[in-house]
Amino acid sequence: MIWLPLAGFAIGFVIYWLPIKNLPSSFAPYLSLATLAGLDSVFGGIRAGVEGKFHDDIFISGFVMNTLLAAGLAYLGDQIGVDIYLAAVFVLGWRVFLNLSLIRRYWLTQTSMNRKKES
């Protein structure tokens, strides 16, 4: 089921490039945070798939909940006049880079082990 996060990433990429130009700029904090939360879930799903721990129900529920929570934090911050979304951007960005580094490390380790077996 590793294809599920990859399919989600591909669908999101295609949607991003669709010519939708009618969104007001006031939606920018919400959409950027929701997108980052979605990317966090996608890369977390890829990491889980690489490690052999992927479960589609956990991925889908995490994707939906993370995205809604991130957009909700941005909305709450707007209502009380505090830029809460900046903290969420920092945390989610850190998690995306952490997941990418762990995926890279896993693949490099596997490549190294395969080379040693061939020698």
PDB file of N, CA and C in Angstrom:
ATOM      1  N   MET A   1       0.792  -1.196   0.000  1.00  0.00           N
ATOM      2  CA  MET A   1       0.000   0.000   0.000  1.00  0.00           C
ATOM      3  C   MET A   1       0.844   1.274   0.000  1.00  0.00           C
ATOM      4  N   ILE A   2       2.122   1.159  -0.341  1.00  0.00           N
ATOM      5  CA  ILE A   2       2.964   2.359  -0.388  1.00  0.00           C
ATOM      6  C   ILE A   2       2.519   3.290  -1.510  1.00  0.00           C
ATOM      7  N   TRP A   3       1.734   2.781  -2.452  1.00  0.00           N
ATOM      8  CA  TRP A   3       1.284   3.617  -3.566  1.00  0.00           C
ATOM      9  C   TRP A   3       0.306   4.693  -3.113  1.00  0.00           C
ATOM     10  N   LEU A   4      -0.380   4.485  -1.973  1.00  0.00           N
ATOM     11  CA  LEU A   4      -1.385   5.446  -1.538  1.00  0.00           C
ATOM     12  C   LEU A   4      -0.798   6.829  -1.250  1.00  0.00           C
ATOM     13  N   PRO A   5       0.278   6.953  -0.443  1.00  0.00           N
ATOM     14  CA  PRO A   5       0.832   8.298  -0.252  1.00  0.00           C
ATOM     15  C   PRO A   5       1.428   8.876  -1.529  1.00  0.00           C
ATOM     16  N   LEU A   6       2.004   8.024  -2.360  1.00  0.00           N
ATOM     17  CA  LEU A   6       2.555   8.511  -3.622  1.00  0.00           C
ATOM     18  C   LEU A   6       1.443   9.010  -4.544  1.00  0.00           C
ATOM     19  N   ALA A   7       0.316   8.312  -4.546  1.00  0.00           N
ATOM     20  CA  ALA A   7      -0.822   8.756  -5.351  1.00  0.00           C
ATOM     21  C   ALA A   7      -1.365  10.077  -4.816  1.00  0.00           C
ATOM     22  N   GLY A   8      -1.424  10.213  -3.498  1.00  0.00           N
ATOM     23  CA  GLY A   8      -1.875  11.462  -2.893  1.00  0.00           C
ATOM     24  C   GLY A   8      -0.970  12.619  -3.257  1.00  0.00           C
ATOM     25  N   PHE A   9       0.331  12.371  -3.247  1.00  0.00           N
ATOM     26  CA  PHE A   9       1.287  13.402  -3.633  1.00  0.00           C
ATOM     27  C   PHE A   9       1.091  13.794  -5.090  1.00  0.00           C
ATOM     28  N   ALA A  10       0.907  12.807  -5.964  1.00  0.00           N
ATOM     29  CA  ALA A  10       0.719  13.079  -7.390  1.00  0.00           C
ATOM     30  C   ALA A  10      -0.575  13.853  -7.636  1.00  0.00           C
ATOM     31  N   ILE A  11      -1.641  13.472  -6.964  1.00  0.00           N
ATOM     32  CA  ILE A  11      -2.918  14.172  -7.124  1.00  0.00           C
ATOM     33  C   ILE A  11      -2.795  15.615  -6.642  1.00  0.00           C
ATOM     34  N   GLY A  12      -2.152  15.800  -5.501  1.00  0.00           N
ATOM     35  CA  GLY A  12      -1.946  17.151  -4.989  1.00  0.00           C
ATOM     36  C   GLY A  12      -1.117  17.998  -5.931  1.00  0.00           C
ATOM     37  N   PHE A  13      -0.106  17.398  -6.543  1.00  0.00           N
ATOM     38  CA  PHE A  13       0.746  18.117  -7.491  1.00  0.00           C
ATOM     39  C   PHE A  13      -0.055  18.548  -8.710  1.00  0.00           C
ATOM     40  N   VAL A  14      -0.908  17.661  -9.216  1.00  0.00           N
ATOM     41  CA  VAL A  14      -1.736  17.989 -10.383  1.00  0.00           C
ATOM     42  C   VAL A  14      -2.728  19.092 -10.027  1.00  0.00           C
ATOM     43  N   ILE A  15      -3.357  18.991  -8.860  1.00  0.00           N
ATOM     44  CA  ILE A  15      -4.316  20.013  -8.441  1.00  0.00           C
ATOM     45  C   ILE A  15      -3.625  21.360  -8.293  1.00  0.00           C
ATOM     46  N   TYR A  16      -2.409  21.337  -7.783  1.00  0.00           N
ATOM     47  CA  TYR A  16      -1.663  22.587  -7.612  1.00  0.00           C
ATOM     48  C   TYR A  16      -1.485  23.308  -8.937  1.00  0.00           C
ATOM     49  N   TRP A  17      -1.238  22.584  -9.992  1.00  0.00           N
ATOM     50  CA  TRP A  17      -0.957  23.208 -11.281  1.00  0.00           C
ATOM     51  C   TRP A  17      -2.209  23.520 -12.096  1.00  0.00           C
ATOM     52  N   LEU A  18      -3.397  23.175 -11.578  1.00  0.00           N
ATOM     53  CA  LEU A  18      -4.617  23.563 -12.275  1.00  0.00           C
ATOM     54  C   LEU A  18      -4.767  25.086 -12.222  1.00  0.00           C
ATOM     55  N   PRO A  19      -5.295  25.669 -13.271  1.00  0.00           N
ATOM     56  CA  PRO A  19      -5.359  27.136 -13.332  1.00  0.00           C
ATOM     57  C   PRO A  19      -6.498  27.733 -12.501  1.00  0.00           C
ATOM     58  N   ILE A  20      -6.435  27.572 -11.182  1.00  0.00           N
ATOM     59  CA  ILE A  20      -7.432  28.180 -10.301  1.00  0.00           C
ATOM     60  C   ILE A  20      -6.850  29.501  -9.824  1.00  0.00           C
ATOM     61  N   LYS A  21      -7.430  30.591 -10.242  1.00  0.00           N
ATOM     62  CA  LYS A  21      -6.894  31.907  -9.908  1.00  0.00           C
ATOM     63  C   LYS A  21      -7.907  32.739  -9.113  1.00  0.00           C
ATOM     64  N   ASN A  22      -9.015  32.155  -8.678  1.00  0.00           N
ATOM     65  CA  ASN A  22     -10.086  32.924  -8.060  1.00  0.00           C
ATOM     66  C   ASN A  22     -10.073  32.897  -6.538  1.00  0.00           C
ATOM     67  N   LEU A  23      -9.048  32.352  -5.911  1.00  0.00           N
ATOM     68  CA  LEU A  23      -9.025  32.287  -4.462  1.00  0.00           C
ATOM     69  C   LEU A  23      -8.533  33.604  -3.879  1.00  0.00           C
ATOM     70  N   PRO A  24      -9.209  34.112  -2.874  1.00  0.00           N
ATOM     71  CA  PRO A  24      -8.760  35.352  -2.245  1.00  0.00           C
ATOM     72  C   PRO A  24      -7.459  35.143  -1.473  1.00  0.00           C
ATOM     73  N   SER A  25      -6.680  36.182  -1.391  1.00  0.00           N
ATOM     74  CA  SER A  25      -5.399  36.081  -0.702  1.00  0.00           C
ATOM     75  C   SER A  25      -5.563  35.853   0.796  1.00  0.00           C
ATOM     76  N   SER A  26      -6.733  36.096   1.335  1.00  0.00           N
ATOM     77  CA  SER A  26      -6.959  35.836   2.760  1.00  0.00           C
ATOM     78  C   SER A  26      -6.938  34.348   3.082  1.00  0.00           C
ATOM     79  N   PHE A  27      -7.075  33.493   2.059  1.00  0.00           N
ATOM     80  CA  PHE A  27      -7.004  32.052   2.262  1.00  0.00           C
ATOM     81  C   PHE A  27      -5.575  31.539   2.298  1.00  0.00           C
ATOM     82  N   ALA A  28      -4.606  32.364   1.980  1.00  0.00           N
ATOM     83  CA  ALA A  28      -3.212  31.918   1.869  1.00  0.00           C
ATOM     84  C   ALA A  28      -2.689  31.236   3.129  1.00  0.00           C
ATOM     85  N   PRO A  29      -2.880  31.799   4.332  1.00  0.00           N
ATOM     86  CA  PRO A  29      -2.366  31.095   5.513  1.00  0.00           C
ATOM     87  C   PRO A  29      -3.012  29.733   5.717  1.00  0.00           C
ATOM     88  N   TYR A  30      -4.299  29.631   5.430  1.00  0.00           N
ATOM     89  CA  TYR A  30      -5.005  28.367   5.611  1.00  0.00           C
ATOM     90  C   TYR A  30      -4.538  27.320   4.612  1.00  0.00           C
ATOM     91  N   LEU A  31      -4.460  27.720   3.354  1.00  0.00           N
ATOM     92  CA  LEU A  31      -4.075  26.767   2.320  1.00  0.00           C
ATOM     93  C   LEU A  31      -2.611  26.350   2.436  1.00  0.00           C
ATOM     94  N   SER A  32      -1.754  27.290   2.774  1.00  0.00           N
ATOM     95  CA  SER A  32      -0.342  26.934   2.904  1.00  0.00           C
ATOM     96  C   SER A  32      -0.127  25.981   4.061  1.00  0.00           C
ATOM     97  N   LEU A  33      -0.798  26.203   5.160  1.00  0.00           N
ATOM     98  CA  LEU A  33      -0.660  25.324   6.310  1.00  0.00           C
ATOM     99  C   LEU A  33      -1.305  23.966   6.050  1.00  0.00           C
ATOM    100  N   ALA A  34      -2.454  23.950   5.411  1.00  0.00           N
ATOM    101  CA  ALA A  34      -3.099  22.684   5.079  1.00  0.00           C
ATOM    102  C   ALA A  34      -2.244  21.887   4.094  1.00  0.00           C
ATOM    103  N   THR A  35      -1.621  22.571   3.135  1.00  0.00           N
ATOM    104  CA  THR A  35      -0.739  21.907   2.186  1.00  0.00           C
ATOM    105  C   THR A  35       0.472  21.315   2.892  1.00  0.00           C
ATOM    106  N   LEU A  36       1.058  22.064   3.789  1.00  0.00           N
ATOM    107  CA  LEU A  36       2.221  21.566   4.539  1.00  0.00           C
ATOM    108  C   LEU A  36       1.834  20.388   5.420  1.00  0.00           C
ATOM    109  N   ALA A  37       0.652  20.436   6.035  1.00  0.00           N
ATOM    110  CA  ALA A  37       0.184  19.311   6.845  1.00  0.00           C
ATOM    111  C   ALA A  37      -0.046  18.087   5.963  1.00  0.00           C
ATOM    112  N   GLY A  38      -0.575  18.307   4.772  1.00  0.00           N
ATOM    113  CA  GLY A  38      -0.752  17.196   3.834  1.00  0.00           C
ATOM    114  C   GLY A  38       0.574  16.599   3.405  1.00  0.00           C
ATOM    115  N   LEU A  39       1.560  17.453   3.123  1.00  0.00           N
ATOM    116  CA  LEU A  39       2.889  16.957   2.764  1.00  0.00           C
ATOM    117  C   LEU A  39       3.517  16.176   3.918  1.00  0.00           C
ATOM    118  N   ASP A  40       3.323  16.650   5.133  1.00  0.00           N
ATOM    119  CA  ASP A  40       3.826  15.931   6.295  1.00  0.00           C
ATOM    120  C   ASP A  40       3.229  14.532   6.351  1.00  0.00           C
ATOM    121  N   SER A  41       1.937  14.416   6.112  1.00  0.00           N
ATOM    122  CA  SER A  41       1.287  13.111   6.124  1.00  0.00           C
ATOM    123  C   SER A  41       1.772  12.227   4.978  1.00  0.00           C
ATOM    124  N   VAL A  42       1.946  12.809   3.805  1.00  0.00           N
ATOM    125  CA  VAL A  42       2.403  12.028   2.646  1.00  0.00           C
ATOM    126  C   VAL A  42       3.804  11.479   2.893  1.00  0.00           C
ATOM    127  N   PHE A  43       4.723  12.337   3.348  1.00  0.00           N
ATOM    128  CA  PHE A  43       6.081  11.855   3.586  1.00  0.00           C
ATOM    129  C   PHE A  43       6.149  10.926   4.787  1.00  0.00           C
ATOM    130  N   GLY A  44       5.277  11.123   5.772  1.00  0.00           N
ATOM    131  CA  GLY A  44       5.182  10.171   6.875  1.00  0.00           C
ATOM    132  C   GLY A  44       4.683   8.821   6.386  1.00  0.00           C
ATOM    133  N   GLY A  45       3.734   8.825   5.450  1.00  0.00           N
ATOM    134  CA  GLY A  45       3.244   7.579   4.859  1.00  0.00           C
ATOM    135  C   GLY A  45       4.302   6.881   4.027  1.00  0.00           C
ATOM    136  N   ILE A  46       5.068   7.651   3.274  1.00  0.00           N
ATOM    137  CA  ILE A  46       6.162   7.051   2.488  1.00  0.00           C
ATOM    138  C   ILE A  46       7.189   6.441   3.430  1.00  0.00           C
ATOM    139  N   ARG A  47       7.518   7.162   4.494  1.00  0.00           N
ATOM    140  CA  ARG A  47       8.473   6.643   5.484  1.00  0.00           C
ATOM    141  C   ARG A  47       7.949   5.353   6.105  1.00  0.00           C
ATOM    142  N   ALA A  48       6.670   5.332   6.492  1.00  0.00           N
ATOM    143  CA  ALA A  48       6.090   4.120   7.065  1.00  0.00           C
ATOM    144  C   ALA A  48       6.113   2.974   6.059  1.00  0.00           C
ATOM    145  N   GLY A  49       5.853   3.271   4.796  1.00  0.00           N
ATOM    146  CA  GLY A  49       5.899   2.234   3.764  1.00  0.00           C
ATOM    147  C   GLY A  49       7.286   1.681   3.572  1.00  0.00           C
ATOM    148  N   VAL A  50       8.278   2.538   3.582  1.00  0.00           N
ATOM    149  CA  VAL A  50       9.668   2.109   3.431  1.00  0.00           C
ATOM    150  C   VAL A  50      10.085   1.230   4.613  1.00  0.00           C
ATOM    151  N   GLU A  51       9.596   1.583   5.793  1.00  0.00           N
ATOM    152  CA  GLU A  51       9.934   0.821   6.994  1.00  0.00           C
ATOM    153  C   GLU A  51       9.061  -0.416   7.168  1.00  0.00           C
ATOM    154  N   GLY A  52       8.070  -0.604   6.300  1.00  0.00           N
ATOM    155  CA  GLY A  52       7.187  -1.758   6.382  1.00  0.00           C
ATOM    156  C   GLY A  52       6.127  -1.637   7.464  1.00  0.00           C
ATOM    157  N   LYS A  53       5.770  -0.419   7.849  1.00  0.00           N
ATOM    158  CA  LYS A  53       4.803  -0.193   8.917  1.00  0.00           C
ATOM    159  C   LYS A  53       3.573   0.575   8.433  1.00  0.00           C
ATOM    160  N   PHE A  54       3.339   0.625   7.141  1.00  0.00           N
ATOM    161  CA  PHE A  54       2.267   1.452   6.597  1.00  0.00           C
ATOM    162  C   PHE A  54       0.911   0.791   6.792  1.00  0.00           C
ATOM    163  N   HIS A  55      -0.066   1.579   7.256  1.00  0.00           N
ATOM    164  CA  HIS A  55      -1.462   1.158   7.360  1.00  0.00           C
ATOM    165  C   HIS A  55      -2.302   2.258   6.722  1.00  0.00           C
ATOM    166  N   ASP A  56      -3.104   1.876   5.745  1.00  0.00           N
ATOM    167  CA  ASP A  56      -3.850   2.893   5.000  1.00  0.00           C
ATOM    168  C   ASP A  56      -4.869   3.630   5.857  1.00  0.00           C
ATOM    169  N   ASP A  57      -5.480   2.955   6.832  1.00  0.00           N
ATOM    170  CA  ASP A  57      -6.450   3.660   7.675  1.00  0.00           C
ATOM    171  C   ASP A  57      -5.780   4.712   8.553  1.00  0.00           C
ATOM    172  N   ILE A  58      -4.594   4.419   9.049  1.00  0.00           N
ATOM    173  CA  ILE A  58      -3.854   5.395   9.841  1.00  0.00           C
ATOM    174  C   ILE A  58      -3.415   6.563   8.965  1.00  0.00           C
ATOM    175  N   PHE A  59      -2.984   6.256   7.739  1.00  0.00           N
ATOM    176  CA  PHE A  59      -2.553   7.319   6.819  1.00  0.00           C
ATOM    177  C   PHE A  59      -3.702   8.255   6.475  1.00  0.00           C
ATOM    178  N   ILE A  60      -4.836   7.694   6.088  1.00  0.00           N
ATOM    179  CA  ILE A  60      -5.963   8.522   5.658  1.00  0.00           C
ATOM    180  C   ILE A  60      -6.494   9.358   6.823  1.00  0.00           C
ATOM    181  N   SER A  61      -6.660   8.737   7.986  1.00  0.00           N
ATOM    182  CA  SER A  61      -7.165   9.507   9.130  1.00  0.00           C
ATOM    183  C   SER A  61      -6.157  10.566   9.565  1.00  0.00           C
ATOM    184  N   GLY A  62      -4.879  10.248   9.520  1.00  0.00           N
ATOM    185  CA  GLY A  62      -3.855  11.232   9.863  1.00  0.00           C
ATOM    186  C   GLY A  62      -3.813  12.380   8.875  1.00  0.00           C
ATOM    187  N   PHE A  63      -3.965  12.059   7.592  1.00  0.00           N
ATOM    188  CA  PHE A  63      -3.969  13.090   6.559  1.00  0.00           C
ATOM    189  C   PHE A  63      -5.119  14.070   6.784  1.00  0.00           C
ATOM    190  N   VAL A  64      -6.313  13.537   6.989  1.00  0.00           N
ATOM    191  CA  VAL A  64      -7.493  14.388   7.174  1.00  0.00           C
ATOM    192  C   VAL A  64      -7.381  15.190   8.472  1.00  0.00           C
ATOM    193  N   MET A  65      -7.035  14.521   9.552  1.00  0.00           N
ATOM    194  CA  MET A  65      -6.972  15.207  10.850  1.00  0.00           C
ATOM    195  C   MET A  65      -5.868  16.267  10.885  1.00  0.00           C
ATOM    196  N   ASN A  66      -4.682  15.942  10.354  1.00  0.00           N
ATOM    197  CA  ASN A  66      -3.584  16.918  10.341  1.00  0.00           C
ATOM    198  C   ASN A  66      -3.943  18.147   9.514  1.00  0.00           C
ATOM    199  N   THR A  67      -4.566  17.925   8.363  1.00  0.00           N
ATOM    200  CA  THR A  67      -4.933  19.035   7.495  1.00  0.00           C
ATOM    201  C   THR A  67      -6.002  19.920   8.152  1.00  0.00           C
ATOM    202  N   LEU A  68      -7.017  19.287   8.738  1.00  0.00           N
ATOM    203  CA  LEU A  68      -8.061  20.063   9.402  1.00  0.00           C
ATOM    204  C   LEU A  68      -7.535  20.793  10.633  1.00  0.00           C
ATOM    205  N   LEU A  69      -6.687  20.138  11.403  1.00  0.00           N
ATOM    206  CA  LEU A  69      -6.118  20.786  12.585  1.00  0.00           C
ATOM    207  C   LEU A  69      -5.251  21.981  12.195  1.00  0.00           C
ATOM    208  N   ALA A  70      -4.452  21.820  11.160  1.00  0.00           N
ATOM    209  CA  ALA A  70      -3.588  22.917  10.723  1.00  0.00           C
ATOM    210  C   ALA A  70      -4.419  24.111  10.245  1.00  0.00           C
ATOM    211  N   ALA A  71      -5.434  23.841   9.435  1.00  0.00           N
ATOM    212  CA  ALA A  71      -6.298  24.941   8.972  1.00  0.00           C
ATOM    213  C   ALA A  71      -7.060  25.548  10.150  1.00  0.00           C
ATOM    214  N   GLY A  72      -7.482  24.723  11.084  1.00  0.00           N
ATOM    215  CA  GLY A  72      -8.172  25.221  12.269  1.00  0.00           C
ATOM    216  C   GLY A  72      -7.284  26.113  13.130  1.00  0.00           C
ATOM    217  N   LEU A  73      -6.007  25.734  13.259  1.00  0.00           N
ATOM    218  CA  LEU A  73      -5.073  26.577  14.014  1.00  0.00           C
ATOM    219  C   LEU A  73      -4.884  27.934  13.339  1.00  0.00           C
ATOM    220  N   ALA A  74      -4.796  27.927  12.029  1.00  0.00           N
ATOM    221  CA  ALA A  74      -4.658  29.197  11.308  1.00  0.00           C
ATOM    222  C   ALA A  74      -5.894  30.056  11.511  1.00  0.00           C
ATOM    223  N   TYR A  75      -7.067  29.452  11.463  1.00  0.00           N
ATOM    224  CA  TYR A  75      -8.308  30.202  11.672  1.00  0.00           C
ATOM    225  C   TYR A  75      -8.391  30.747  13.101  1.00  0.00           C
ATOM    226  N   LEU A  76      -8.062  29.900  14.076  1.00  0.00           N
ATOM    227  CA  LEU A  76      -8.076  30.342  15.469  1.00  0.00           C
ATOM    228  C   LEU A  76      -7.114  31.499  15.690  1.00  0.00           C
ATOM    229  N   GLY A  77      -5.940  31.394  15.108  1.00  0.00           N
ATOM    230  CA  GLY A  77      -4.969  32.479  15.216  1.00  0.00           C
ATOM    231  C   GLY A  77      -5.487  33.774  14.626  1.00  0.00           C
ATOM    232  N   ASP A  78      -6.178  33.697  13.495  1.00  0.00           N
ATOM    233  CA  ASP A  78      -6.776  34.896  12.898  1.00  0.00           C
ATOM    234  C   ASP A  78      -7.833  35.507  13.815  1.00  0.00           C
ATOM    235  N   GLN A  79      -8.622  34.663  14.433  1.00  0.00           N
ATOM    236  CA  GLN A  79      -9.700  35.150  15.285  1.00  0.00           C
ATOM    237  C   GLN A  79      -9.191  35.854  16.534  1.00  0.00           C
ATOM    238  N   ILE A  80      -8.085  35.369  17.102  1.00  0.00           N
ATOM    239  CA  ILE A  80      -7.574  35.983  18.328  1.00  0.00           C
ATOM    240  C   ILE A  80      -6.438  36.964  18.067  1.00  0.00           C
ATOM    241  N   GLY A  81      -6.052  37.097  16.808  1.00  0.00           N
ATOM    242  CA  GLY A  81      -5.038  38.090  16.449  1.00  0.00           C
ATOM    243  C   GLY A  81      -3.604  37.646  16.704  1.00  0.00           C
ATOM    244  N   VAL A  82      -3.360  36.342  16.733  1.00  0.00           N
ATOM    245  CA  VAL A  82      -2.013  35.804  16.952  1.00  0.00           C
ATOM    246  C   VAL A  82      -1.677  34.902  15.767  1.00  0.00           C
ATOM    247  N   ASP A  83      -0.464  35.020  15.280  1.00  0.00           N
ATOM    248  CA  ASP A  83      -0.051  34.202  14.131  1.00  0.00           C
ATOM    249  C   ASP A  83       0.364  32.801  14.581  1.00  0.00           C
ATOM    250  N   ILE A  84      -0.606  32.014  15.039  1.00  0.00           N
ATOM    251  CA  ILE A  84      -0.344  30.650  15.500  1.00  0.00           C
ATOM    252  C   ILE A  84       0.159  29.784  14.349  1.00  0.00           C
ATOM    253  N   TYR A  85      -0.286  30.094  13.155  1.00  0.00           N
ATOM    254  CA  TYR A  85       0.088  29.256  12.019  1.00  0.00           C
ATOM    255  C   TYR A  85       1.597  29.246  11.790  1.00  0.00           C
ATOM    256  N   LEU A  86       2.310  30.269  12.218  1.00  0.00           N
ATOM    257  CA  LEU A  86       3.764  30.281  12.047  1.00  0.00           C
ATOM    258  C   LEU A  86       4.429  29.175  12.861  1.00  0.00           C
ATOM    259  N   ALA A  87       3.936  28.917  14.064  1.00  0.00           N
ATOM    260  CA  ALA A  87       4.467  27.824  14.871  1.00  0.00           C
ATOM    261  C   ALA A  87       4.163  26.487  14.203  1.00  0.00           C
ATOM    262  N   ALA A  88       2.965  26.346  13.675  1.00  0.00           N
ATOM    263  CA  ALA A  88       2.603  25.103  12.998  1.00  0.00           C
ATOM    264  C   ALA A  88       3.435  24.907  11.731  1.00  0.00           C
ATOM    265  N   VAL A  89       3.709  25.983  11.007  1.00  0.00           N
ATOM    266  CA  VAL A  89       4.560  25.890   9.816  1.00  0.00           C
ATOM    267  C   VAL A  89       5.954  25.405  10.199  1.00  0.00           C
ATOM    268  N   PHE A  90       6.479  25.932  11.279  1.00  0.00           N
ATOM    269  CA  PHE A  90       7.803  25.519  11.735  1.00  0.00           C
ATOM    270  C   PHE A  90       7.817  24.034  12.081  1.00  0.00           C
ATOM    271  N   VAL A  91       6.851  23.593  12.870  1.00  0.00           N
ATOM    272  CA  VAL A  91       6.818  22.192  13.311  1.00  0.00           C
ATOM    273  C   VAL A  91       6.588  21.253  12.133  1.00  0.00           C
ATOM    274  N   LEU A  92       5.624  21.574  11.287  1.00  0.00           N
ATOM    275  CA  LEU A  92       5.338  20.693  10.149  1.00  0.00           C
ATOM    276  C   LEU A  92       6.498  20.675   9.158  1.00  0.00           C
ATOM    277  N   GLY A  93       7.128  21.817   8.929  1.00  0.00           N
ATOM    278  CA  GLY A  93       8.302  21.850   8.053  1.00  0.00           C
ATOM    279  C   GLY A  93       9.421  21.004   8.605  1.00  0.00           C
ATOM    280  N   TRP A  94       9.629  21.074   9.913  1.00  0.00           N
ATOM    281  CA  TRP A  94      10.665  20.257  10.552  1.00  0.00           C
ATOM    282  C   TRP A  94      10.343  18.775  10.376  1.00  0.00           C
ATOM    283  N   ARG A  95       9.071  18.390  10.535  1.00  0.00           N
ATOM    284  CA  ARG A  95       8.692  16.976  10.388  1.00  0.00           C
ATOM    285  C   ARG A  95       8.864  16.488   8.947  1.00  0.00           C
ATOM    286  N   VAL A  96       8.562  17.341   7.978  1.00  0.00           N
ATOM    287  CA  VAL A  96       8.745  16.957   6.577  1.00  0.00           C
ATOM    288  C   VAL A  96      10.222  16.670   6.310  1.00  0.00           C
ATOM    289  N   PHE A  97      11.108  17.572   6.752  1.00  0.00           N
ATOM    290  CA  PHE A  97      12.536  17.360   6.538  1.00  0.00           C
ATOM    291  C   PHE A  97      13.061  16.159   7.317  1.00  0.00           C
ATOM    292  N   LEU A  98      12.521  15.908   8.501  1.00  0.00           N
ATOM    293  CA  LEU A  98      12.920  14.732   9.276  1.00  0.00           C
ATOM    294  C   LEU A  98      12.524  13.460   8.547  1.00  0.00           C
ATOM    295  N   ASN A  99      11.294  13.403   8.054  1.00  0.00           N
ATOM    296  CA  ASN A  99      10.850  12.227   7.308  1.00  0.00           C
ATOM    297  C   ASN A  99      11.683  12.020   6.052  1.00  0.00           C
ATOM    298  N   LEU A 100      11.983  13.108   5.340  1.00  0.00           N
ATOM    299  CA  LEU A 100      12.815  12.982   4.138  1.00  0.00           C
ATOM    300  C   LEU A 100      14.211  12.467   4.476  1.00  0.00           C
ATOM    301  N   SER A 101      14.783  12.944   5.564  1.00  0.00           N
ATOM    302  CA  SER A 101      16.125  12.482   5.936  1.00  0.00           C
ATOM    303  C   SER A 101      16.100  11.009   6.343  1.00  0.00           C
ATOM    304  N   LEU A 102      15.053  10.570   7.023  1.00  0.00           N
ATOM    305  CA  LEU A 102      14.969   9.160   7.408  1.00  0.00           C
ATOM    306  C   LEU A 102      14.729   8.262   6.196  1.00  0.00           C
ATOM    307  N   ILE A 103      13.929   8.717   5.239  1.00  0.00           N
ATOM    308  CA  ILE A 103      13.730   7.956   4.002  1.00  0.00           C
ATOM    309  C   ILE A 103      15.049   7.840   3.251  1.00  0.00           C
ATOM    310  N   ARG A 104      15.761   8.958   3.135  1.00  0.00           N
ATOM    311  CA  ARG A 104      17.050   8.954   2.441  1.00  0.00           C
ATOM    312  C   ARG A 104      18.035   8.020   3.132  1.00  0.00           C
ATOM    313  N   ARG A 105      18.117   8.085   4.444  1.00  0.00           N
ATOM    314  CA  ARG A 105      19.031   7.235   5.204  1.00  0.00           C
ATOM    315  C   ARG A 105      18.687   5.760   5.027  1.00  0.00           C
ATOM    316  N   TYR A 106      17.401   5.434   5.027  1.00  0.00           N
ATOM    317  CA  TYR A 106      16.987   4.044   4.842  1.00  0.00           C
ATOM    318  C   TYR A 106      17.389   3.540   3.461  1.00  0.00           C
ATOM    319  N   TRP A 107      17.120   4.343   2.426  1.00  0.00           N
ATOM    320  CA  TRP A 107      17.462   3.910   1.071  1.00  0.00           C
ATOM    321  C   TRP A 107      18.969   3.805   0.882  1.00  0.00           C
ATOM    322  N   LEU A 108      19.736   4.728   1.451  1.00  0.00           N
ATOM    323  CA  LEU A 108      21.194   4.640   1.344  1.00  0.00           C
ATOM    324  C   LEU A 108      21.731   3.417   2.074  1.00  0.00           C
ATOM    325  N   THR A 109      21.163   3.101   3.222  1.00  0.00           N
ATOM    326  CA  THR A 109      21.577   1.902   3.962  1.00  0.00           C
ATOM    327  C   THR A 109      21.256   0.646   3.169  1.00  0.00           C
ATOM    328  N   GLN A 110      20.063   0.596   2.591  1.00  0.00           N
ATOM    329  CA  GLN A 110      19.687  -0.565   1.788  1.00  0.00           C
ATOM    330  C   GLN A 110      20.585  -0.715   0.563  1.00  0.00           C
ATOM    331  N   THR A 111      20.914   0.397  -0.081  1.00  0.00           N
ATOM    332  CA  THR A 111      21.805   0.357  -1.246  1.00  0.00           C
ATOM    333  C   THR A 111      23.183  -0.132  -0.851  1.00  0.00           C
ATOM    334  N   SER A 112      23.672   0.337   0.274  1.00  0.00           N
ATOM    335  CA  SER A 112      24.981  -0.089   0.760  1.00  0.00           C
ATOM    336  C   SER A 112      24.994  -1.570   1.094  1.00  0.00           C
ATOM    337  N   MET A 113      23.926  -2.047   1.727  1.00  0.00           N
ATOM    338  CA  MET A 113      23.852  -3.471   2.068  1.00  0.00           C
ATOM    339  C   MET A 113      23.769  -4.332   0.823  1.00  0.00           C
ATOM    340  N   ASN A 114      23.042  -3.880  -0.196  1.00  0.00           N
ATOM    341  CA  ASN A 114      22.936  -4.634  -1.432  1.00  0.00           C
ATOM    342  C   ASN A 114      24.287  -4.696  -2.154  1.00  0.00           C
ATOM    343  N   ARG A 115      25.060  -3.623  -2.111  1.00  0.00           N
ATOM    344  CA  ARG A 115      26.391  -3.613  -2.729  1.00  0.00           C
ATOM    345  C   ARG A 115      27.324  -4.583  -2.031  1.00  0.00           C
ATOM    346  N   LYS A 116      27.228  -4.646  -0.703  1.00  0.00           N
ATOM    347  CA  LYS A 116      28.083  -5.560   0.063  1.00  0.00           C
ATOM    348  C   LYS A 116      27.733  -7.010  -0.242  1.00  0.00           C
ATOM    349  N   LYS A 117      26.449  -7.308  -0.446  1.00  0.00           N
ATOM    350  CA  LYS A 117      26.021  -8.672  -0.779  1.00  0.00           C
ATOM    351  C   LYS A 117      26.554  -9.081  -2.144  1.00  0.00           C
ATOM    352  N   GLU A 118      26.605  -8.128  -3.077  1.00  0.00           N
ATOM    353  CA  GLU A 118      27.065  -8.423  -4.427  1.00  0.00           C
ATOM    354  C   GLU A 118      28.562  -8.626  -4.494  1.00  0.00           C
ATOM    355  N   SER A 119      29.299  -8.055  -3.556  1.00  0.00           N
ATOM    356  CA  SER A 119      30.767  -8.153  -3.584  1.00  0.00           C
ATOM    357  C   SER A 119      31.267  -9.487  -3.121  1.00  0.00           C
TER     358      SER A 119
END
